[in-house]
Amino acid sequence: MEKRLLALLDPAVTDIVANSLDDCAFAIFSGDDAEALALGITVQGELTIVVTDPHRPLGDVRIQCGGKNTVLFVDNRNWGGNMHASIRVLGSDSVLFFADIGDAFVSLPDIYLRSNRQILFWGKGASAVGCSMEIDGTGAIVAIGDDALISGGVWIRNHDMHAIHDLSTGAQIGRPAVDTVLERHVWLGQDAMLLQVERIGMGSIVGARSLLKGRVQPRVAMAGTPARVIRRDVSWGRDLEGMTNAERASIGLPPL
């Protein structure tokens, strides 16, 4: 599991590196401990909780664990307490890793990890107005890169959700579950639907109500059902006044 987490620390995805947390004093709780409730974490089942600040509340986080050895890690040194999440973990040996989101708002009303040894990675400063996510497949990974912006009503599914068969042969023809990675500074528009998306390149935009599969290049705008590239060499800024130089630098562009 440690090797798989380290493999996620790709500069295209996050600023976090292997030794980023070396100076932290970790606090470890179980889901039954009073300290967990004080942080705003309500747990059903068996969960190990690791935080970097045992006194800084996360918000309202509800987790149901059906298996064993699930770990929730949160770097909450600068959190504003703006996370609201409902997470179900059906399998065992999975990791929920949340980097420092600062004052970002994160609403995850329906997160479902269905299998064993899965990883959900949430990058630094990434925000979500409302995201439904379902992860299937043993060892599957969903990674949301630093400074991502996920609008309301977004769906992320890394699998077909049901078996698909060729009726003449009986063969199962659906694709297996994939790892889904959003690189840094990706914007998913209102009600976008990601089905078996493998990777979205840094700085890209997915338009409202788009249906997306496969891979997306960096710094493009996608829209439609199915989504297609409608503009290249484009990105976005959180401020209506325009992109900051820090945002440009994060996707490999020089300052203006």
C-alpha atoms as a PDB file:
ATOM      1  CA  MET A   1       0.000   0.000   0.000  1.00  0.00           C
ATOM      2  CA  GLU A   2       2.836   2.424   0.821  1.00  0.00           C
ATOM      3  CA  LYS A   3       4.412   1.910  -2.624  1.00  0.00           C
ATOM      4  CA  ARG A   4       1.081   2.581  -4.321  1.00  0.00           C
ATOM      5  CA  LEU A   5       0.602   5.788  -2.335  1.00  0.00           C
ATOM      6  CA  LEU A   6       4.096   6.966  -3.238  1.00  0.00           C
ATOM      7  CA  ALA A   7       3.381   6.250  -6.900  1.00  0.00           C
ATOM      8  CA  LEU A   8       0.534   8.781  -6.722  1.00  0.00           C
ATOM      9  CA  LEU A   9       2.952  11.554  -5.756  1.00  0.00           C
ATOM     10  CA  ASP A  10       3.476  12.594  -9.360  1.00  0.00           C
ATOM     11  CA  PRO A  11       4.366  16.293  -9.862  1.00  0.00           C
ATOM     12  CA  ALA A  12       1.613  16.435 -12.485  1.00  0.00           C
ATOM     13  CA  VAL A  13      -0.880  15.536  -9.742  1.00  0.00           C
ATOM     14  CA  THR A  14       0.390  17.029  -6.476  1.00  0.00           C
ATOM     15  CA  ASP A  15       3.113  19.045  -4.765  1.00  0.00           C
ATOM     16  CA  ILE A  16       3.276  16.415  -2.033  1.00  0.00           C
ATOM     17  CA  VAL A  17       6.478  14.373  -2.021  1.00  0.00           C
ATOM     18  CA  ALA A  18       7.575  11.418   0.074  1.00  0.00           C
ATOM     19  CA  ASN A  19       9.046  13.551   2.880  1.00  0.00           C
ATOM     20  CA  SER A  20       6.429  16.338   2.904  1.00  0.00           C
ATOM     21  CA  LEU A  21       5.014  15.234   6.250  1.00  0.00           C
ATOM     22  CA  ASP A  22       8.264  14.404   8.025  1.00  0.00           C
ATOM     23  CA  ASP A  23       7.919  17.378  10.385  1.00  0.00           C
ATOM     24  CA  CYS A  24       4.374  16.455  11.472  1.00  0.00           C
ATOM     25  CA  ALA A  25       3.432  15.048  14.862  1.00  0.00           C
ATOM     26  CA  PHE A  26       0.735  12.528  14.018  1.00  0.00           C
ATOM     27  CA  ALA A  27      -2.200  11.710  16.275  1.00  0.00           C
ATOM     28  CA  ILE A  28      -3.815   8.298  15.867  1.00  0.00           C
ATOM     29  CA  PHE A  29      -7.326   7.374  16.999  1.00  0.00           C
ATOM     30  CA  SER A  30      -9.884   4.673  16.420  1.00  0.00           C
ATOM     31  CA  GLY A  31     -13.358   5.472  15.202  1.00  0.00           C
ATOM     32  CA  ASP A  32     -14.679   4.749  18.703  1.00  0.00           C
ATOM     33  CA  ASP A  33     -12.526   7.367  20.436  1.00  0.00           C
ATOM     34  CA  ALA A  34     -14.027  10.603  21.748  1.00  0.00           C
ATOM     35  CA  GLU A  35     -11.269  12.491  19.914  1.00  0.00           C
ATOM     36  CA  ALA A  36     -12.732  11.331  16.588  1.00  0.00           C
ATOM     37  CA  LEU A  37     -16.135  12.781  17.410  1.00  0.00           C
ATOM     38  CA  ALA A  38     -14.504  16.039  18.521  1.00  0.00           C
ATOM     39  CA  LEU A  39     -12.904  16.268  15.076  1.00  0.00           C
ATOM     40  CA  GLY A  40     -16.342  15.887  13.471  1.00  0.00           C
ATOM     41  CA  ILE A  41     -15.853  12.253  12.431  1.00  0.00           C
ATOM     42  CA  THR A  42     -18.662   9.747  13.031  1.00  0.00           C
ATOM     43  CA  VAL A  43     -17.769   6.115  12.379  1.00  0.00           C
ATOM     44  CA  GLN A  44     -19.663   2.859  12.031  1.00  0.00           C
ATOM     45  CA  GLY A  45     -17.351  -0.136  11.933  1.00  0.00           C
ATOM     46  CA  GLU A  46     -13.586  -0.397  12.265  1.00  0.00           C
ATOM     47  CA  LEU A  47     -11.481   2.621  11.226  1.00  0.00           C
ATOM     48  CA  THR A  48      -8.035   3.957  12.087  1.00  0.00           C
ATOM     49  CA  ILE A  49      -7.818   7.759  11.966  1.00  0.00           C
ATOM     50  CA  VAL A  50      -4.518   9.615  11.525  1.00  0.00           C
ATOM     51  CA  VAL A  51      -4.444  13.430  11.673  1.00  0.00           C
ATOM     52  CA  THR A  52      -1.747  16.080  11.885  1.00  0.00           C
ATOM     53  CA  ASP A  53      -3.693  18.336  14.286  1.00  0.00           C
ATOM     54  CA  PRO A  54      -5.865  16.542  16.865  1.00  0.00           C
ATOM     55  CA  HIS A  55      -7.568  19.806  17.872  1.00  0.00           C
ATOM     56  CA  ARG A  56      -8.649  21.189  14.477  1.00  0.00           C
ATOM     57  CA  PRO A  57     -12.124  19.933  13.426  1.00  0.00           C
ATOM     58  CA  LEU A  58     -12.637  18.665   9.900  1.00  0.00           C
ATOM     59  CA  GLY A  59     -16.334  19.490   9.561  1.00  0.00           C
ATOM     60  CA  ASP A  60     -18.944  16.721   9.361  1.00  0.00           C
ATOM     61  CA  VAL A  61     -17.500  13.424   8.114  1.00  0.00           C
ATOM     62  CA  ARG A  62     -19.495  10.194   8.347  1.00  0.00           C
ATOM     63  CA  ILE A  63     -17.813   6.899   7.480  1.00  0.00           C
ATOM     64  CA  GLN A  64     -19.229   3.376   7.364  1.00  0.00           C
ATOM     65  CA  CYS A  65     -16.679   0.562   7.221  1.00  0.00           C
ATOM     66  CA  GLY A  66     -17.784  -2.959   6.365  1.00  0.00           C
ATOM     67  CA  GLY A  67     -14.307  -4.493   6.345  1.00  0.00           C
ATOM     68  CA  LYS A  68     -11.110  -4.184   8.364  1.00  0.00           C
ATOM     69  CA  ASN A  69      -7.866  -2.201   8.320  1.00  0.00           C
ATOM     70  CA  THR A  70      -9.244   0.927   6.655  1.00  0.00           C
ATOM     71  CA  VAL A  71      -7.221   4.080   7.353  1.00  0.00           C
ATOM     72  CA  LEU A  72      -8.381   7.692   7.130  1.00  0.00           C
ATOM     73  CA  PHE A  73      -5.401  10.069   6.899  1.00  0.00           C
ATOM     74  CA  VAL A  74      -5.980  13.831   7.039  1.00  0.00           C
ATOM     75  CA  ASP A  75      -3.358  16.576   6.978  1.00  0.00           C
ATOM     76  CA  ASN A  76      -5.572  19.092   8.776  1.00  0.00           C
ATOM     77  CA  ARG A  77      -2.952  21.579   9.972  1.00  0.00           C
ATOM     78  CA  ASN A  78      -4.642  24.460   8.139  1.00  0.00           C
ATOM     79  CA  TRP A  79      -8.189  23.176   7.614  1.00  0.00           C
ATOM     80  CA  GLY A  80     -11.100  25.585   7.953  1.00  0.00           C
ATOM     81  CA  GLY A  81     -13.559  22.854   8.966  1.00  0.00           C
ATOM     82  CA  ASN A  82     -15.398  22.933   5.641  1.00  0.00           C
ATOM     83  CA  MET A  83     -15.546  19.243   4.757  1.00  0.00           C
ATOM     84  CA  HIS A  84     -18.912  17.467   4.625  1.00  0.00           C
ATOM     85  CA  ALA A  85     -18.727  13.839   3.550  1.00  0.00           C
ATOM     86  CA  SER A  86     -20.582  10.547   3.654  1.00  0.00           C
ATOM     87  CA  ILE A  87     -18.230   7.668   2.831  1.00  0.00           C
ATOM     88  CA  ARG A  88     -18.960   3.933   2.652  1.00  0.00           C
ATOM     89  CA  VAL A  89     -16.074   1.462   2.566  1.00  0.00           C
ATOM     90  CA  LEU A  90     -17.287  -2.043   1.813  1.00  0.00           C
ATOM     91  CA  GLY A  91     -13.937  -3.838   1.602  1.00  0.00           C
ATOM     92  CA  SER A  92     -10.783  -4.059   3.704  1.00  0.00           C
ATOM     93  CA  ASP A  93      -7.254  -2.619   3.645  1.00  0.00           C
ATOM     94  CA  SER A  94      -8.215   0.671   1.979  1.00  0.00           C
ATOM     95  CA  VAL A  95      -6.845   4.200   2.469  1.00  0.00           C
ATOM     96  CA  LEU A  96      -8.636   7.554   2.400  1.00  0.00           C
ATOM     97  CA  PHE A  97      -5.905  10.212   2.066  1.00  0.00           C
ATOM     98  CA  PHE A  98      -6.839  13.886   2.326  1.00  0.00           C
ATOM     99  CA  ALA A  99      -4.085  16.462   1.924  1.00  0.00           C
ATOM    100  CA  ASP A 100      -4.342  19.944   3.423  1.00  0.00           C
ATOM    101  CA  ILE A 101      -7.317  21.676   1.781  1.00  0.00           C
ATOM    102  CA  GLY A 102      -6.959  24.877   3.813  1.00  0.00           C
ATOM    103  CA  ASP A 103     -10.179  26.912   3.649  1.00  0.00           C
ATOM    104  CA  ALA A 104     -11.536  25.042   0.621  1.00  0.00           C
ATOM    105  CA  PHE A 105     -15.104  23.722   0.758  1.00  0.00           C
ATOM    106  CA  VAL A 106     -15.438  19.986   0.137  1.00  0.00           C
ATOM    107  CA  SER A 107     -18.852  18.324  -0.154  1.00  0.00           C
ATOM    108  CA  LEU A 108     -18.761  14.588  -0.859  1.00  0.00           C
ATOM    109  CA  PRO A 109     -22.304  13.371  -0.152  1.00  0.00           C
ATOM    110  CA  ASP A 110     -21.922   9.912  -1.701  1.00  0.00           C
ATOM    111  CA  ILE A 111     -18.532   8.183  -1.779  1.00  0.00           C
ATOM    112  CA  TYR A 112     -18.510   4.396  -2.105  1.00  0.00           C
ATOM    113  CA  LEU A 113     -15.422   2.165  -2.106  1.00  0.00           C
ATOM    114  CA  ARG A 114     -16.683  -1.281  -3.090  1.00  0.00           C
ATOM    115  CA  SER A 115     -13.586  -3.512  -3.072  1.00  0.00           C
ATOM    116  CA  ASN A 116     -10.410  -4.290  -1.117  1.00  0.00           C
ATOM    117  CA  ARG A 117      -7.098  -2.376  -1.082  1.00  0.00           C
ATOM    118  CA  GLN A 118      -8.501   0.757  -2.681  1.00  0.00           C
ATOM    119  CA  ILE A 119      -7.118   4.298  -2.422  1.00  0.00           C
ATOM    120  CA  LEU A 120      -8.930   7.623  -2.544  1.00  0.00           C
ATOM    121  CA  PHE A 121      -6.423  10.501  -2.746  1.00  0.00           C
ATOM    122  CA  TRP A 122      -7.557  14.126  -2.335  1.00  0.00           C
ATOM    123  CA  GLY A 123      -4.972  16.771  -3.245  1.00  0.00           C
ATOM    124  CA  LYS A 124      -3.957  20.041  -1.619  1.00  0.00           C
ATOM    125  CA  GLY A 125      -6.518  22.819  -1.936  1.00  0.00           C
ATOM    126  CA  ALA A 126      -8.911  20.701  -4.022  1.00  0.00           C
ATOM    127  CA  SER A 127     -12.563  21.693  -3.582  1.00  0.00           C
ATOM    128  CA  ALA A 128     -15.946  20.137  -4.376  1.00  0.00           C
ATOM    129  CA  VAL A 129     -19.430  21.644  -4.400  1.00  0.00           C
ATOM    130  CA  GLY A 130     -20.923  18.158  -4.643  1.00  0.00           C
ATOM    131  CA  CYS A 131     -19.458  14.884  -5.928  1.00  0.00           C
ATOM    132  CA  SER A 132     -20.778  11.325  -6.080  1.00  0.00           C
ATOM    133  CA  MET A 133     -18.055   8.726  -6.501  1.00  0.00           C
ATOM    134  CA  GLU A 134     -18.078   4.940  -6.793  1.00  0.00           C
ATOM    135  CA  ILE A 135     -14.841   2.949  -6.945  1.00  0.00           C
ATOM    136  CA  ASP A 136     -14.775  -0.730  -7.897  1.00  0.00           C
ATOM    137  CA  GLY A 137     -11.974  -3.229  -8.419  1.00  0.00           C
ATOM    138  CA  THR A 138      -9.422  -4.642  -6.013  1.00  0.00           C
ATOM    139  CA  GLY A 139      -6.517  -2.218  -5.714  1.00  0.00           C
ATOM    140  CA  ALA A 140      -8.271   0.529  -7.685  1.00  0.00           C
ATOM    141  CA  ILE A 141      -7.275   4.172  -7.201  1.00  0.00           C
ATOM    142  CA  VAL A 142      -9.095   7.468  -7.642  1.00  0.00           C
ATOM    143  CA  ALA A 143      -6.829  10.508  -7.273  1.00  0.00           C
ATOM    144  CA  ILE A 144      -8.043  14.115  -7.277  1.00  0.00           C
ATOM    145  CA  GLY A 145      -5.084  16.410  -7.928  1.00  0.00           C
ATOM    146  CA  ASP A 146      -4.108  19.611  -6.153  1.00  0.00           C
ATOM    147  CA  ASP A 147      -6.386  22.637  -6.636  1.00  0.00           C
ATOM    148  CA  ALA A 148      -9.064  20.688  -8.501  1.00  0.00           C
ATOM    149  CA  LEU A 149     -12.501  22.315  -8.686  1.00  0.00           C
ATOM    150  CA  ILE A 150     -15.410  19.863  -8.773  1.00  0.00           C
ATOM    151  CA  SER A 151     -18.771  21.525  -9.349  1.00  0.00           C
ATOM    152  CA  GLY A 152     -22.132  20.352  -8.015  1.00  0.00           C
ATOM    153  CA  GLY A 153     -23.741  17.158  -9.251  1.00  0.00           C
ATOM    154  CA  VAL A 154     -20.552  15.576 -10.627  1.00  0.00           C
ATOM    155  CA  TRP A 155     -20.474  11.775 -10.911  1.00  0.00           C
ATOM    156  CA  ILE A 156     -17.261   9.753 -11.023  1.00  0.00           C
ATOM    157  CA  ARG A 157     -17.445   6.014 -11.750  1.00  0.00           C
ATOM    158  CA  ASN A 158     -14.369   3.939 -12.573  1.00  0.00           C
ATOM    159  CA  HIS A 159     -16.340   0.918 -13.801  1.00  0.00           C
ATOM    160  CA  ASP A 160     -19.420  -0.104 -15.824  1.00  0.00           C
ATOM    161  CA  MET A 161     -21.480  -0.657 -12.636  1.00  0.00           C
ATOM    162  CA  HIS A 162     -23.072  -3.820 -14.119  1.00  0.00           C
ATOM    163  CA  ALA A 163     -21.948  -6.704 -16.334  1.00  0.00           C
ATOM    164  CA  ILE A 164     -22.430  -6.242 -20.098  1.00  0.00           C
ATOM    165  CA  HIS A 165     -22.734  -9.377 -22.270  1.00  0.00           C
ATOM    166  CA  ASP A 166     -22.737 -10.259 -25.953  1.00  0.00           C
ATOM    167  CA  LEU A 167     -26.018 -12.173 -26.224  1.00  0.00           C
ATOM    168  CA  SER A 168     -24.900 -14.377 -29.126  1.00  0.00           C
ATOM    169  CA  THR A 169     -21.815 -15.734 -27.358  1.00  0.00           C
ATOM    170  CA  GLY A 170     -22.505 -15.026 -23.710  1.00  0.00           C
ATOM    171  CA  ALA A 171     -19.106 -13.346 -23.441  1.00  0.00           C
ATOM    172  CA  GLN A 172     -18.765 -10.524 -20.965  1.00  0.00           C
ATOM    173  CA  ILE A 173     -17.659  -7.508 -22.996  1.00  0.00           C
ATOM    174  CA  GLY A 174     -17.641  -4.711 -20.434  1.00  0.00           C
ATOM    175  CA  ARG A 175     -14.346  -3.022 -19.611  1.00  0.00           C
ATOM    176  CA  PRO A 176     -12.671  -3.778 -16.283  1.00  0.00           C
ATOM    177  CA  ALA A 177     -12.430  -1.076 -13.642  1.00  0.00           C
ATOM    178  CA  VAL A 178      -9.704   1.523 -14.203  1.00  0.00           C
ATOM    179  CA  ASP A 179      -7.681   3.880 -12.038  1.00  0.00           C
ATOM    180  CA  THR A 180      -8.981   7.449 -12.382  1.00  0.00           C
ATOM    181  CA  VAL A 181      -6.495  10.308 -11.972  1.00  0.00           C
ATOM    182  CA  LEU A 182      -7.216  14.019 -12.209  1.00  0.00           C
ATOM    183  CA  GLU A 183      -3.993  15.954 -12.532  1.00  0.00           C
ATOM    184  CA  ARG A 184      -3.600  19.303 -10.780  1.00  0.00           C
ATOM    185  CA  HIS A 185      -5.870  22.316 -11.431  1.00  0.00           C
ATOM    186  CA  VAL A 186      -8.662  20.458 -13.263  1.00  0.00           C
ATOM    187  CA  TRP A 187     -12.187  21.924 -13.363  1.00  0.00           C
ATOM    188  CA  LEU A 188     -15.186  19.600 -13.674  1.00  0.00           C
ATOM    189  CA  GLY A 189     -18.343  21.532 -14.612  1.00  0.00           C
ATOM    190  CA  GLN A 190     -21.838  21.175 -13.179  1.00  0.00           C
ATOM    191  CA  ASP A 191     -23.331  17.668 -13.542  1.00  0.00           C
ATOM    192  CA  ALA A 192     -20.357  16.313 -15.497  1.00  0.00           C
ATOM    193  CA  MET A 193     -20.250  12.511 -15.605  1.00  0.00           C
ATOM    194  CA  LEU A 194     -16.926  10.650 -15.681  1.00  0.00           C
ATOM    195  CA  LEU A 195     -17.278   6.991 -16.676  1.00  0.00           C
ATOM    196  CA  GLN A 196     -14.075   4.927 -16.650  1.00  0.00           C
ATOM    197  CA  VAL A 197     -11.948   8.023 -17.137  1.00  0.00           C
ATOM    198  CA  GLU A 198      -8.295   7.071 -16.814  1.00  0.00           C
ATOM    199  CA  ARG A 199      -6.627  10.485 -16.663  1.00  0.00           C
ATOM    200  CA  ILE A 200      -7.451  14.173 -17.115  1.00  0.00           C
ATOM    201  CA  GLY A 201      -4.415  16.326 -17.854  1.00  0.00           C
ATOM    202  CA  MET A 202      -3.443  19.328 -15.759  1.00  0.00           C
ATOM    203  CA  GLY A 203      -5.349  22.561 -16.234  1.00  0.00           C
ATOM    204  CA  SER A 204      -8.130  21.029 -18.319  1.00  0.00           C
ATOM    205  CA  ILE A 205     -11.827  21.924 -18.210  1.00  0.00           C
ATOM    206  CA  VAL A 206     -14.779  19.538 -18.539  1.00  0.00           C
ATOM    207  CA  GLY A 207     -17.985  21.362 -19.461  1.00  0.00           C
ATOM    208  CA  ALA A 208     -21.301  21.190 -17.632  1.00  0.00           C
ATOM    209  CA  ARG A 209     -23.352  18.018 -18.248  1.00  0.00           C
ATOM    210  CA  SER A 210     -20.600  16.437 -20.315  1.00  0.00           C
ATOM    211  CA  LEU A 211     -20.183  12.664 -20.536  1.00  0.00           C
ATOM    212  CA  LEU A 212     -16.528  11.729 -20.495  1.00  0.00           C
ATOM    213  CA  LYS A 213     -14.586   8.477 -20.942  1.00  0.00           C
ATOM    214  CA  GLY A 214     -10.947   7.572 -21.520  1.00  0.00           C
ATOM    215  CA  ARG A 215      -8.129  10.119 -21.337  1.00  0.00           C
ATOM    216  CA  VAL A 216      -7.943  13.915 -21.653  1.00  0.00           C
ATOM    217  CA  GLN A 217      -4.859  15.892 -22.656  1.00  0.00           C
ATOM    218  CA  PRO A 218      -3.547  18.765 -20.511  1.00  0.00           C
ATOM    219  CA  ARG A 219      -4.875  22.309 -20.969  1.00  0.00           C
ATOM    220  CA  VAL A 220      -7.905  21.560 -23.143  1.00  0.00           C
ATOM    221  CA  ALA A 221     -11.634  22.246 -22.811  1.00  0.00           C
ATOM    222  CA  MET A 222     -13.977  19.279 -23.304  1.00  0.00           C
ATOM    223  CA  ALA A 223     -17.753  19.421 -23.682  1.00  0.00           C
ATOM    224  CA  GLY A 224     -20.658  17.418 -25.039  1.00  0.00           C
ATOM    225  CA  THR A 225     -22.183  13.948 -24.849  1.00  0.00           C
ATOM    226  CA  PRO A 226     -19.893  12.233 -25.549  1.00  0.00           C
ATOM    227  CA  ALA A 227     -17.366  14.938 -24.692  1.00  0.00           C
ATOM    228  CA  ARG A 228     -14.919  16.143 -27.329  1.00  0.00           C
ATOM    229  CA  VAL A 229     -12.181  18.765 -27.392  1.00  0.00           C
ATOM    230  CA  ILE A 230     -13.697  22.166 -28.191  1.00  0.00           C
ATOM    231  CA  ARG A 231     -10.587  24.253 -27.513  1.00  0.00           C
ATOM    232  CA  ARG A 232      -6.889  23.647 -26.960  1.00  0.00           C
ATOM    233  CA  ASP A 233      -4.265  25.669 -25.085  1.00  0.00           C
ATOM    234  CA  VAL A 234      -6.783  26.866 -22.506  1.00  0.00           C
ATOM    235  CA  SER A 235      -7.173  26.713 -18.722  1.00  0.00           C
ATOM    236  CA  TRP A 236      -9.066  28.490 -15.945  1.00  0.00           C
ATOM    237  CA  GLY A 237      -8.698  30.594 -12.796  1.00  0.00           C
ATOM    238  CA  ARG A 238     -10.644  30.563  -9.539  1.00  0.00           C
ATOM    239  CA  ASP A 239     -10.827  34.373  -9.570  1.00  0.00           C
ATOM    240  CA  LEU A 240     -13.128  35.954 -12.153  1.00  0.00           C
ATOM    241  CA  GLU A 241     -10.391  38.502 -12.804  1.00  0.00           C
ATOM    242  CA  GLY A 242      -8.232  35.797 -14.367  1.00  0.00           C
ATOM    243  CA  MET A 243      -5.606  33.160 -13.646  1.00  0.00           C
ATOM    244  CA  THR A 244      -2.959  33.971 -11.083  1.00  0.00           C
ATOM    245  CA  ASN A 245       0.709  33.440 -11.827  1.00  0.00           C
ATOM    246  CA  ALA A 246       0.678  30.696  -9.190  1.00  0.00           C
ATOM    247  CA  GLU A 247      -2.085  28.899 -11.092  1.00  0.00           C
ATOM    248  CA  ARG A 248      -0.155  29.274 -14.335  1.00  0.00           C
ATOM    249  CA  ALA A 249       3.003  27.932 -12.710  1.00  0.00           C
ATOM    250  CA  SER A 250       1.103  24.938 -11.318  1.00  0.00           C
ATOM    251  CA  ILE A 251       0.342  23.742 -14.868  1.00  0.00           C
ATOM    252  CA  GLY A 252       3.789  24.464 -16.266  1.00  0.00           C
ATOM    253  CA  LEU A 253       3.247  27.952 -17.713  1.00  0.00           C
ATOM    254  CA  PRO A 254       5.429  31.061 -17.236  1.00  0.00           C
ATOM    255  CA  PRO A 255       4.003  34.166 -15.509  1.00  0.00           C
ATOM    256  CA  LEU A 256       2.386  36.907 -17.560  1.00  0.00           C
END
